[in-house]
Amino acid sequence: MKLETRLKQRRNTLKMTQEEVAEKIHVSRQTISNWENGRNLPDINSLILISEIYAISLDKLMKGDPKMVKKLDEKIKRGKFFYFLVIVIGVIVLLNILHLITIG
């Protein structure tokens, strides 16, 4: 399933408007529409925020979308993969710490 389909389905499942999602990740409603219609792809920072808001892992969010895989592949070739990996690992560690704090 393509990323744009996952984004729209998950937002609708959560009964959220494009405007509500846009506010939470600090982009315009039109940006959300563009992502959901496949005109543009979200950057990694936006994907991380979306995964948190939608309560879905980055893996499930991006898996199987050839456009997203190609975009990440291009970033790897440009040497940005390390930066991406550090951000993802940092977010995972931070979420785990926050989880431990809230249950402890």
PDB file of N, CA and C in Angstrom:
ATOM      1  N   MET A   1       0.847  -1.177   0.000  1.00  0.00           N
ATOM      2  CA  MET A   1       0.000   0.000   0.000  1.00  0.00           C
ATOM      3  C   MET A   1       0.895   1.244   0.000  1.00  0.00           C
ATOM      4  N   LYS A   2       0.505   2.232  -0.759  1.00  0.00           N
ATOM      5  CA  LYS A   2       1.281   3.459  -0.861  1.00  0.00           C
ATOM      6  C   LYS A   2       1.144   4.295   0.412  1.00  0.00           C
ATOM      7  N   LEU A   3       2.180   5.097   0.650  1.00  0.00           N
ATOM      8  CA  LEU A   3       2.202   5.955   1.836  1.00  0.00           C
ATOM      9  C   LEU A   3       0.986   6.869   1.870  1.00  0.00           C
ATOM     10  N   GLU A   4       0.644   7.479   0.737  1.00  0.00           N
ATOM     11  CA  GLU A   4      -0.481   8.425   0.739  1.00  0.00           C
ATOM     12  C   GLU A   4      -1.789   7.741   1.156  1.00  0.00           C
ATOM     13  N   THR A   5      -1.964   6.500   0.757  1.00  0.00           N
ATOM     14  CA  THR A   5      -3.157   5.751   1.146  1.00  0.00           C
ATOM     15  C   THR A   5      -3.155   5.471   2.637  1.00  0.00           C
ATOM     16  N   ARG A   6      -1.993   5.073   3.172  1.00  0.00           N
ATOM     17  CA  ARG A   6      -1.880   4.813   4.611  1.00  0.00           C
ATOM     18  C   ARG A   6      -2.170   6.080   5.418  1.00  0.00           C
ATOM     19  N   LEU A   7      -1.611   7.208   4.962  1.00  0.00           N
ATOM     20  CA  LEU A   7      -1.803   8.467   5.686  1.00  0.00           C
ATOM     21  C   LEU A   7      -3.282   8.827   5.764  1.00  0.00           C
ATOM     22  N   LYS A   8      -3.955   8.760   4.634  1.00  0.00           N
ATOM     23  CA  LYS A   8      -5.362   9.146   4.602  1.00  0.00           C
ATOM     24  C   LYS A   8      -6.225   8.164   5.397  1.00  0.00           C
ATOM     25  N   GLN A   9      -5.994   6.867   5.217  1.00  0.00           N
ATOM     26  CA  GLN A   9      -6.787   5.866   5.939  1.00  0.00           C
ATOM     27  C   GLN A   9      -6.619   6.013   7.442  1.00  0.00           C
ATOM     28  N   ARG A  10      -5.379   6.193   7.894  1.00  0.00           N
ATOM     29  CA  ARG A  10      -5.142   6.280   9.336  1.00  0.00           C
ATOM     30  C   ARG A  10      -5.782   7.544   9.913  1.00  0.00           C
ATOM     31  N   ARG A  11      -5.651   8.657   9.189  1.00  0.00           N
ATOM     32  CA  ARG A  11      -6.265   9.910   9.655  1.00  0.00           C
ATOM     33  C   ARG A  11      -7.781   9.746   9.760  1.00  0.00           C
ATOM     34  N   ASN A  12      -8.378   9.126   8.752  1.00  0.00           N
ATOM     35  CA  ASN A  12      -9.827   8.909   8.780  1.00  0.00           C
ATOM     36  C   ASN A  12     -10.228   7.953   9.889  1.00  0.00           C
ATOM     37  N   THR A  13      -9.437   6.919  10.118  1.00  0.00           N
ATOM     38  CA  THR A  13      -9.721   5.975  11.204  1.00  0.00           C
ATOM     39  C   THR A  13      -9.738   6.693  12.545  1.00  0.00           C
ATOM     40  N   LEU A  14      -8.817   7.643  12.710  1.00  0.00           N
ATOM     41  CA  LEU A  14      -8.725   8.407  13.952  1.00  0.00           C
ATOM     42  C   LEU A  14      -9.729   9.562  13.997  1.00  0.00           C
ATOM     43  N   LYS A  15     -10.507   9.699  12.919  1.00  0.00           N
ATOM     44  CA  LYS A  15     -11.522  10.760  12.814  1.00  0.00           C
ATOM     45  C   LYS A  15     -10.914  12.153  13.015  1.00  0.00           C
ATOM     46  N   MET A  16      -9.775  12.353  12.363  1.00  0.00           N
ATOM     47  CA  MET A  16      -9.094  13.644  12.416  1.00  0.00           C
ATOM     48  C   MET A  16      -9.234  14.330  11.064  1.00  0.00           C
ATOM     49  N   THR A  17      -9.289  15.650  11.098  1.00  0.00           N
ATOM     50  CA  THR A  17      -9.307  16.412   9.856  1.00  0.00           C
ATOM     51  C   THR A  17      -7.871  16.692   9.425  1.00  0.00           C
ATOM     52  N   GLN A  18      -7.723  17.063   8.169  1.00  0.00           N
ATOM     53  CA  GLN A  18      -6.397  17.463   7.682  1.00  0.00           C
ATOM     54  C   GLN A  18      -5.899  18.668   8.465  1.00  0.00           C
ATOM     55  N   GLU A  19      -6.797  19.571   8.790  1.00  0.00           N
ATOM     56  CA  GLU A  19      -6.434  20.771   9.549  1.00  0.00           C
ATOM     57  C   GLU A  19      -5.883  20.395  10.932  1.00  0.00           C
ATOM     58  N   GLU A  20      -6.511  19.448  11.604  1.00  0.00           N
ATOM     59  CA  GLU A  20      -6.049  19.024  12.934  1.00  0.00           C
ATOM     60  C   GLU A  20      -4.650  18.425  12.876  1.00  0.00           C
ATOM     61  N   VAL A  21      -4.424  17.587  11.874  1.00  0.00           N
ATOM     62  CA  VAL A  21      -3.097  16.974  11.717  1.00  0.00           C
ATOM     63  C   VAL A  21      -2.071  18.053  11.382  1.00  0.00           C
ATOM     64  N   ALA A  22      -2.431  18.946  10.489  1.00  0.00           N
ATOM     65  CA  ALA A  22      -1.525  20.022  10.076  1.00  0.00           C
ATOM     66  C   ALA A  22      -1.088  20.865  11.277  1.00  0.00           C
ATOM     67  N   GLU A  23      -2.030  21.189  12.139  1.00  0.00           N
ATOM     68  CA  GLU A  23      -1.715  21.977  13.338  1.00  0.00           C
ATOM     69  C   GLU A  23      -0.713  21.262  14.226  1.00  0.00           C
ATOM     70  N   LYS A  24      -0.907  19.956  14.397  1.00  0.00           N
ATOM     71  CA  LYS A  24      -0.055  19.185  15.300  1.00  0.00           C
ATOM     72  C   LYS A  24       1.377  19.033  14.780  1.00  0.00           C
ATOM     73  N   ILE A  25       1.554  19.046  13.463  1.00  0.00           N
ATOM     74  CA  ILE A  25       2.920  18.892  12.945  1.00  0.00           C
ATOM     75  C   ILE A  25       3.449  20.175  12.295  1.00  0.00           C
ATOM     76  N   HIS A  26       2.702  21.255  12.481  1.00  0.00           N
ATOM     77  CA  HIS A  26       3.165  22.586  12.085  1.00  0.00           C
ATOM     78  C   HIS A  26       3.406  22.721  10.577  1.00  0.00           C
ATOM     79  N   VAL A  27       2.422  22.234   9.808  1.00  0.00           N
ATOM     80  CA  VAL A  27       2.430  22.431   8.358  1.00  0.00           C
ATOM     81  C   VAL A  27       1.041  22.926   7.968  1.00  0.00           C
ATOM     82  N   SER A  28       0.863  23.249   6.703  1.00  0.00           N
ATOM     83  CA  SER A  28      -0.453  23.715   6.257  1.00  0.00           C
ATOM     84  C   SER A  28      -1.372  22.532   5.958  1.00  0.00           C
ATOM     85  N   ARG A  29      -2.658  22.804   5.921  1.00  0.00           N
ATOM     86  CA  ARG A  29      -3.627  21.781   5.551  1.00  0.00           C
ATOM     87  C   ARG A  29      -3.365  21.308   4.125  1.00  0.00           C
ATOM     88  N   GLN A  30      -2.942  22.245   3.267  1.00  0.00           N
ATOM     89  CA  GLN A  30      -2.636  21.909   1.872  1.00  0.00           C
ATOM     90  C   GLN A  30      -1.475  20.920   1.785  1.00  0.00           C
ATOM     91  N   THR A  31      -0.516  21.040   2.694  1.00  0.00           N
ATOM     92  CA  THR A  31       0.606  20.102   2.727  1.00  0.00           C
ATOM     93  C   THR A  31       0.100  18.696   3.022  1.00  0.00           C
ATOM     94  N   ILE A  32      -0.796  18.580   4.000  1.00  0.00           N
ATOM     95  CA  ILE A  32      -1.377  17.273   4.324  1.00  0.00           C
ATOM     96  C   ILE A  32      -2.109  16.719   3.104  1.00  0.00           C
ATOM     97  N   SER A  33      -2.885  17.569   2.449  1.00  0.00           N
ATOM     98  CA  SER A  33      -3.615  17.158   1.242  1.00  0.00           C
ATOM     99  C   SER A  33      -2.646  16.673   0.167  1.00  0.00           C
ATOM    100  N   ASN A  34      -1.555  17.404  -0.033  1.00  0.00           N
ATOM    101  CA  ASN A  34      -0.562  17.012  -1.039  1.00  0.00           C
ATOM    102  C   ASN A  34       0.052  15.654  -0.715  1.00  0.00           C
ATOM    103  N   TRP A  35       0.321  15.412   0.562  1.00  0.00           N
ATOM    104  CA  TRP A  35       0.863  14.106   0.961  1.00  0.00           C
ATOM    105  C   TRP A  35      -0.155  13.008   0.705  1.00  0.00           C
ATOM    106  N   GLU A  36      -1.402  13.248   1.064  1.00  0.00           N
ATOM    107  CA  GLU A  36      -2.441  12.229   0.925  1.00  0.00           C
ATOM    108  C   GLU A  36      -2.822  11.975  -0.531  1.00  0.00           C
ATOM    109  N   ASN A  37      -2.538  12.925  -1.397  1.00  0.00           N
ATOM    110  CA  ASN A  37      -2.832  12.752  -2.823  1.00  0.00           C
ATOM    111  C   ASN A  37      -1.600  12.351  -3.631  1.00  0.00           C
ATOM    112  N   GLY A  38      -0.479  12.150  -2.944  1.00  0.00           N
ATOM    113  CA  GLY A  38       0.731  11.677  -3.603  1.00  0.00           C
ATOM    114  C   GLY A  38       1.472  12.716  -4.416  1.00  0.00           C
ATOM    115  N   ARG A  39       1.139  13.995  -4.224  1.00  0.00           N
ATOM    116  CA  ARG A  39       1.842  15.052  -4.963  1.00  0.00           C
ATOM    117  C   ARG A  39       3.225  15.323  -4.377  1.00  0.00           C
ATOM    118  N   ASN A  40       3.356  15.162  -3.066  1.00  0.00           N
ATOM    119  CA  ASN A  40       4.633  15.351  -2.361  1.00  0.00           C
ATOM    120  C   ASN A  40       4.776  14.255  -1.320  1.00  0.00           C
ATOM    121  N   LEU A  41       5.981  14.117  -0.805  1.00  0.00           N
ATOM    122  CA  LEU A  41       6.238  13.180   0.282  1.00  0.00           C
ATOM    123  C   LEU A  41       6.676  13.952   1.513  1.00  0.00           C
ATOM    124  N   PRO A  42       6.252  13.522   2.690  1.00  0.00           N
ATOM    125  CA  PRO A  42       6.701  14.196   3.919  1.00  0.00           C
ATOM    126  C   PRO A  42       8.188  13.953   4.158  1.00  0.00           C
ATOM    127  N   ASP A  43       8.829  14.930   4.798  1.00  0.00           N
ATOM    128  CA  ASP A  43      10.224  14.723   5.190  1.00  0.00           C
ATOM    129  C   ASP A  43      10.261  13.840   6.425  1.00  0.00           C
ATOM    130  N   ILE A  44      11.453  13.433   6.817  1.00  0.00           N
ATOM    131  CA  ILE A  44      11.578  12.481   7.915  1.00  0.00           C
ATOM    132  C   ILE A  44      11.058  13.053   9.232  1.00  0.00           C
ATOM    133  N   ASN A  45      11.289  14.332   9.481  1.00  0.00           N
ATOM    134  CA  ASN A  45      10.787  14.932  10.729  1.00  0.00           C
ATOM    135  C   ASN A  45       9.270  14.879  10.787  1.00  0.00           C
ATOM    136  N   SER A  46       8.628  15.168   9.660  1.00  0.00           N
ATOM    137  CA  SER A  46       7.166  15.099   9.605  1.00  0.00           C
ATOM    138  C   SER A  46       6.688  13.663   9.758  1.00  0.00           C
ATOM    139  N   LEU A  47       7.388  12.716   9.151  1.00  0.00           N
ATOM    140  CA  LEU A  47       7.009  11.309   9.282  1.00  0.00           C
ATOM    141  C   LEU A  47       7.069  10.846  10.731  1.00  0.00           C
ATOM    142  N   ILE A  48       8.085  11.299  11.444  1.00  0.00           N
ATOM    143  CA  ILE A  48       8.209  10.922  12.856  1.00  0.00           C
ATOM    144  C   ILE A  48       7.032  11.469  13.651  1.00  0.00           C
ATOM    145  N   LEU A  49       6.683  12.729  13.421  1.00  0.00           N
ATOM    146  CA  LEU A  49       5.537  13.324  14.117  1.00  0.00           C
ATOM    147  C   LEU A  49       4.234  12.616  13.740  1.00  0.00           C
ATOM    148  N   ILE A  50       4.081  12.311  12.465  1.00  0.00           N
ATOM    149  CA  ILE A  50       2.874  11.611  12.011  1.00  0.00           C
ATOM    150  C   ILE A  50       2.779  10.246  12.687  1.00  0.00           C
ATOM    151  N   SER A  51       3.897   9.538  12.762  1.00  0.00           N
ATOM    152  CA  SER A  51       3.860   8.204  13.380  1.00  0.00           C
ATOM    153  C   SER A  51       3.454   8.291  14.844  1.00  0.00           C
ATOM    154  N   GLU A  52       3.861   9.355  15.518  1.00  0.00           N
ATOM    155  CA  GLU A  52       3.466   9.541  16.917  1.00  0.00           C
ATOM    156  C   GLU A  52       1.980   9.892  17.028  1.00  0.00           C
ATOM    157  N   ILE A  53       1.522  10.821  16.207  1.00  0.00           N
ATOM    158  CA  ILE A  53       0.120  11.249  16.238  1.00  0.00           C
ATOM    159  C   ILE A  53      -0.808  10.107  15.853  1.00  0.00           C
ATOM    160  N   TYR A  54      -0.422   9.352  14.839  1.00  0.00           N
ATOM    161  CA  TYR A  54      -1.254   8.261  14.336  1.00  0.00           C
ATOM    162  C   TYR A  54      -1.032   6.956  15.095  1.00  0.00           C
ATOM    163  N   ALA A  55      -0.090   6.949  16.032  1.00  0.00           N
ATOM    164  CA  ALA A  55       0.226   5.747  16.825  1.00  0.00           C
ATOM    165  C   ALA A  55       0.506   4.548  15.919  1.00  0.00           C
ATOM    166  N   ILE A  56       1.401   4.761  14.967  1.00  0.00           N
ATOM    167  CA  ILE A  56       1.795   3.715  14.030  1.00  0.00           C
ATOM    168  C   ILE A  56       3.308   3.807  13.847  1.00  0.00           C
ATOM    169  N   SER A  57       3.972   2.685  13.778  1.00  0.00           N
ATOM    170  CA  SER A  57       5.428   2.699  13.664  1.00  0.00           C
ATOM    171  C   SER A  57       5.856   3.272  12.307  1.00  0.00           C
ATOM    172  N   LEU A  58       7.061   3.823  12.274  1.00  0.00           N
ATOM    173  CA  LEU A  58       7.603   4.319  11.009  1.00  0.00           C
ATOM    174  C   LEU A  58       7.683   3.197   9.992  1.00  0.00           C
ATOM    175  N   ASP A  59       8.041   2.011  10.468  1.00  0.00           N
ATOM    176  CA  ASP A  59       8.151   0.858   9.589  1.00  0.00           C
ATOM    177  C   ASP A  59       6.819   0.573   8.899  1.00  0.00           C
ATOM    178  N   LYS A  60       5.745   0.504   9.661  1.00  0.00           N
ATOM    179  CA  LYS A  60       4.422   0.229   9.080  1.00  0.00           C
ATOM    180  C   LYS A  60       3.960   1.376   8.188  1.00  0.00           C
ATOM    181  N   LEU A  61       4.317   2.576   8.572  1.00  0.00           N
ATOM    182  CA  LEU A  61       3.904   3.745   7.809  1.00  0.00           C
ATOM    183  C   LEU A  61       4.555   3.767   6.421  1.00  0.00           C
ATOM    184  N   MET A  62       5.830   3.437   6.345  1.00  0.00           N
ATOM    185  CA  MET A  62       6.572   3.578   5.094  1.00  0.00           C
ATOM    186  C   MET A  62       6.699   2.289   4.288  1.00  0.00           C
ATOM    187  N   LYS A  63       6.553   1.160   4.929  1.00  0.00           N
ATOM    188  CA  LYS A  63       6.825  -0.121   4.277  1.00  0.00           C
ATOM    189  C   LYS A  63       5.962  -0.327   3.029  1.00  0.00           C
ATOM    190  N   GLY A  64       6.618  -0.766   1.965  1.00  0.00           N
ATOM    191  CA  GLY A  64       5.897  -1.128   0.749  1.00  0.00           C
ATOM    192  C   GLY A  64       5.610   0.016  -0.198  1.00  0.00           C
ATOM    193  N   ASP A  65       6.048   1.229   0.119  1.00  0.00           N
ATOM    194  CA  ASP A  65       5.819   2.355  -0.777  1.00  0.00           C
ATOM    195  C   ASP A  65       7.068   2.583  -1.620  1.00  0.00           C
ATOM    196  N   PRO A  66       7.010   2.266  -2.909  1.00  0.00           N
ATOM    197  CA  PRO A  66       8.197   2.400  -3.751  1.00  0.00           C
ATOM    198  C   PRO A  66       8.740   3.834  -3.835  1.00  0.00           C
ATOM    199  N   LYS A  67       7.828   4.834  -3.816  1.00  0.00           N
ATOM    200  CA  LYS A  67       8.305   6.228  -3.867  1.00  0.00           C
ATOM    201  C   LYS A  67       9.102   6.582  -2.617  1.00  0.00           C
ATOM    202  N   MET A  68       8.611   6.146  -1.468  1.00  0.00           N
ATOM    203  CA  MET A  68       9.294   6.455  -0.218  1.00  0.00           C
ATOM    204  C   MET A  68      10.625   5.710  -0.159  1.00  0.00           C
ATOM    205  N   VAL A  69      10.634   4.466  -0.585  1.00  0.00           N
ATOM    206  CA  VAL A  69      11.877   3.692  -0.613  1.00  0.00           C
ATOM    207  C   VAL A  69      12.890   4.376  -1.522  1.00  0.00           C
ATOM    208  N   LYS A  70      12.437   4.849  -2.677  1.00  0.00           N
ATOM    209  CA  LYS A  70      13.334   5.541  -3.604  1.00  0.00           C
ATOM    210  C   LYS A  70      13.870   6.833  -2.983  1.00  0.00           C
ATOM    211  N   LYS A  71      12.994   7.575  -2.302  1.00  0.00           N
ATOM    212  CA  LYS A  71      13.425   8.817  -1.658  1.00  0.00           C
ATOM    213  C   LYS A  71      14.486   8.533  -0.604  1.00  0.00           C
ATOM    214  N   LEU A  72      14.260   7.508   0.219  1.00  0.00           N
ATOM    215  CA  LEU A  72      15.251   7.154   1.238  1.00  0.00           C
ATOM    216  C   LEU A  72      16.536   6.656   0.594  1.00  0.00           C
ATOM    217  N   ASP A  73      16.407   5.923  -0.499  1.00  0.00           N
ATOM    218  CA  ASP A  73      17.572   5.424  -1.222  1.00  0.00           C
ATOM    219  C   ASP A  73      18.434   6.583  -1.726  1.00  0.00           C
ATOM    220  N   GLU A  74      17.786   7.616  -2.244  1.00  0.00           N
ATOM    221  CA  GLU A  74      18.510   8.798  -2.718  1.00  0.00           C
ATOM    222  C   GLU A  74      19.237   9.494  -1.569  1.00  0.00           C
ATOM    223  N   LYS A  75      18.578   9.550  -0.405  1.00  0.00           N
ATOM    224  CA  LYS A  75      19.219  10.170   0.758  1.00  0.00           C
ATOM    225  C   LYS A  75      20.438   9.372   1.196  1.00  0.00           C
ATOM    226  N   ILE A  76      20.329   8.053   1.115  1.00  0.00           N
ATOM    227  CA  ILE A  76      21.469   7.205   1.463  1.00  0.00           C
ATOM    228  C   ILE A  76      22.631   7.516   0.533  1.00  0.00           C
ATOM    229  N   LYS A  77      22.335   7.613  -0.741  1.00  0.00           N
ATOM    230  CA  LYS A  77      23.383   7.884  -1.729  1.00  0.00           C
ATOM    231  C   LYS A  77      24.008   9.257  -1.524  1.00  0.00           C
ATOM    232  N   ARG A  78      23.260  10.168  -0.978  1.00  0.00           N
ATOM    233  CA  ARG A  78      23.794  11.515  -0.732  1.00  0.00           C
ATOM    234  C   ARG A  78      24.451  11.620   0.641  1.00  0.00           C
ATOM    235  N   GLY A  79      24.532  10.521   1.357  1.00  0.00           N
ATOM    236  CA  GLY A  79      25.216  10.516   2.643  1.00  0.00           C
ATOM    237  C   GLY A  79      24.380  10.999   3.809  1.00  0.00           C
ATOM    238  N   LYS A  80      23.071  11.072   3.637  1.00  0.00           N
ATOM    239  CA  LYS A  80      22.220  11.565   4.714  1.00  0.00           C
ATOM    240  C   LYS A  80      21.616  10.434   5.537  1.00  0.00           C
ATOM    241  N   PHE A  81      21.919   9.209   5.183  1.00  0.00           N
ATOM    242  CA  PHE A  81      21.332   8.084   5.898  1.00  0.00           C
ATOM    243  C   PHE A  81      21.745   8.084   7.356  1.00  0.00           C
ATOM    244  N   PHE A  82      23.010   8.399   7.628  1.00  0.00           N
ATOM    245  CA  PHE A  82      23.495   8.407   9.006  1.00  0.00           C
ATOM    246  C   PHE A  82      22.680   9.386   9.837  1.00  0.00           C
ATOM    247  N   TYR A  83      22.435  10.569   9.311  1.00  0.00           N
ATOM    248  CA  TYR A  83      21.626  11.580   9.993  1.00  0.00           C
ATOM    249  C   TYR A  83      20.221  11.033  10.262  1.00  0.00           C
ATOM    250  N   PHE A  84      19.609  10.425   9.246  1.00  0.00           N
ATOM    251  CA  PHE A  84      18.285   9.826   9.374  1.00  0.00           C
ATOM    252  C   PHE A  84      18.284   8.751  10.457  1.00  0.00           C
ATOM    253  N   LEU A  85      19.282   7.886  10.433  1.00  0.00           N
ATOM    254  CA  LEU A  85      19.363   6.791  11.394  1.00  0.00           C
ATOM    255  C   LEU A  85      19.511   7.314  12.823  1.00  0.00           C
ATOM    256  N   VAL A  86      20.323   8.333  13.010  1.00  0.00           N
ATOM    257  CA  VAL A  86      20.513   8.921  14.338  1.00  0.00           C
ATOM    258  C   VAL A  86      19.197   9.495  14.849  1.00  0.00           C
ATOM    259  N   ILE A  87      18.461  10.169  13.995  1.00  0.00           N
ATOM    260  CA  ILE A  87      17.172  10.745  14.393  1.00  0.00           C
ATOM    261  C   ILE A  87      16.194   9.642  14.797  1.00  0.00           C
ATOM    262  N   VAL A  88      16.089   8.625  13.973  1.00  0.00           N
ATOM    263  CA  VAL A  88      15.148   7.539  14.257  1.00  0.00           C
ATOM    264  C   VAL A  88      15.523   6.835  15.561  1.00  0.00           C
ATOM    265  N   ILE A  89      16.790   6.516  15.724  1.00  0.00           N
ATOM    266  CA  ILE A  89      17.229   5.855  16.959  1.00  0.00           C
ATOM    267  C   ILE A  89      16.995   6.768  18.156  1.00  0.00           C
ATOM    268  N   GLY A  90      17.288   8.047  18.001  1.00  0.00           N
ATOM    269  CA  GLY A  90      17.061   9.008  19.079  1.00  0.00           C
ATOM    270  C   GLY A  90      15.601   9.077  19.487  1.00  0.00           C
ATOM    271  N   VAL A  91      14.719   9.103  18.504  1.00  0.00           N
ATOM    272  CA  VAL A  91      13.283   9.150  18.797  1.00  0.00           C
ATOM    273  C   VAL A  91      12.845   7.874  19.513  1.00  0.00           C
ATOM    274  N   ILE A  92      13.331   6.742  19.044  1.00  0.00           N
ATOM    275  CA  ILE A  92      12.968   5.469  19.684  1.00  0.00           C
ATOM    276  C   ILE A  92      13.453   5.448  21.130  1.00  0.00           C
ATOM    277  N   VAL A  93      14.690   5.874  21.365  1.00  0.00           N
ATOM    278  CA  VAL A  93      15.228   5.910  22.726  1.00  0.00           C
ATOM    279  C   VAL A  93      14.416   6.873  23.585  1.00  0.00           C
ATOM    280  N   LEU A  94      14.128   8.052  23.054  1.00  0.00           N
ATOM    281  CA  LEU A  94      13.352   9.042  23.796  1.00  0.00           C
ATOM    282  C   LEU A  94      11.961   8.513  24.144  1.00  0.00           C
ATOM    283  N   LEU A  95      11.311   7.873  23.191  1.00  0.00           N
ATOM    284  CA  LEU A  95       9.983   7.312  23.462  1.00  0.00           C
ATOM    285  C   LEU A  95      10.051   6.222  24.527  1.00  0.00           C
ATOM    286  N   ASN A  96      11.090   5.410  24.488  1.00  0.00           N
ATOM    287  CA  ASN A  96      11.259   4.374  25.511  1.00  0.00           C
ATOM    288  C   ASN A  96      11.486   4.987  26.892  1.00  0.00           C
ATOM    289  N   ILE A  97      12.290   6.033  26.961  1.00  0.00           N
ATOM    290  CA  ILE A  97      12.538   6.711  28.235  1.00  0.00           C
ATOM    291  C   ILE A  97      11.246   7.316  28.771  1.00  0.00           C
ATOM    292  N   LEU A  98      10.508   7.989  27.902  1.00  0.00           N
ATOM    293  CA  LEU A  98       9.234   8.587  28.313  1.00  0.00           C
ATOM    294  C   LEU A  98       8.260   7.515  28.783  1.00  0.00           C
ATOM    295  N   HIS A  99       8.249   6.391  28.104  1.00  0.00           N
ATOM    296  CA  HIS A  99       7.386   5.280  28.506  1.00  0.00           C
ATOM    297  C   HIS A  99       7.778   4.776  29.893  1.00  0.00           C
ATOM    298  N   LEU A 100       9.069   4.614  30.126  1.00  0.00           N
ATOM    299  CA  LEU A 100       9.537   4.141  31.438  1.00  0.00           C
ATOM    300  C   LEU A 100       9.198   5.138  32.535  1.00  0.00           C
ATOM    301  N   ILE A 101       9.306   6.398  32.234  1.00  0.00           N
ATOM    302  CA  ILE A 101       8.997   7.438  33.232  1.00  0.00           C
ATOM    303  C   ILE A 101       7.501   7.409  33.570  1.00  0.00           C
ATOM    304  N   THR A 102       6.665   7.251  32.556  1.00  0.00           N
ATOM    305  CA  THR A 102       5.216   7.281  32.804  1.00  0.00           C
ATOM    306  C   THR A 102       4.711   6.049  33.536  1.00  0.00           C
ATOM    307  N   ILE A 103       5.381   4.897  33.356  1.00  0.00           N
ATOM    308  CA  ILE A 103       4.919   3.699  34.071  1.00  0.00           C
ATOM    309  C   ILE A 103       5.576   3.562  35.430  1.00  0.00           C
ATOM    310  N   GLY A 104       6.652   4.331  35.636  1.00  0.00           N
ATOM    311  CA  GLY A 104       7.391   4.222  36.908  1.00  0.00           C
ATOM    312  C   GLY A 104       6.976   5.247  37.847  1.00  0.00           C
TER     313      GLY A 104
END
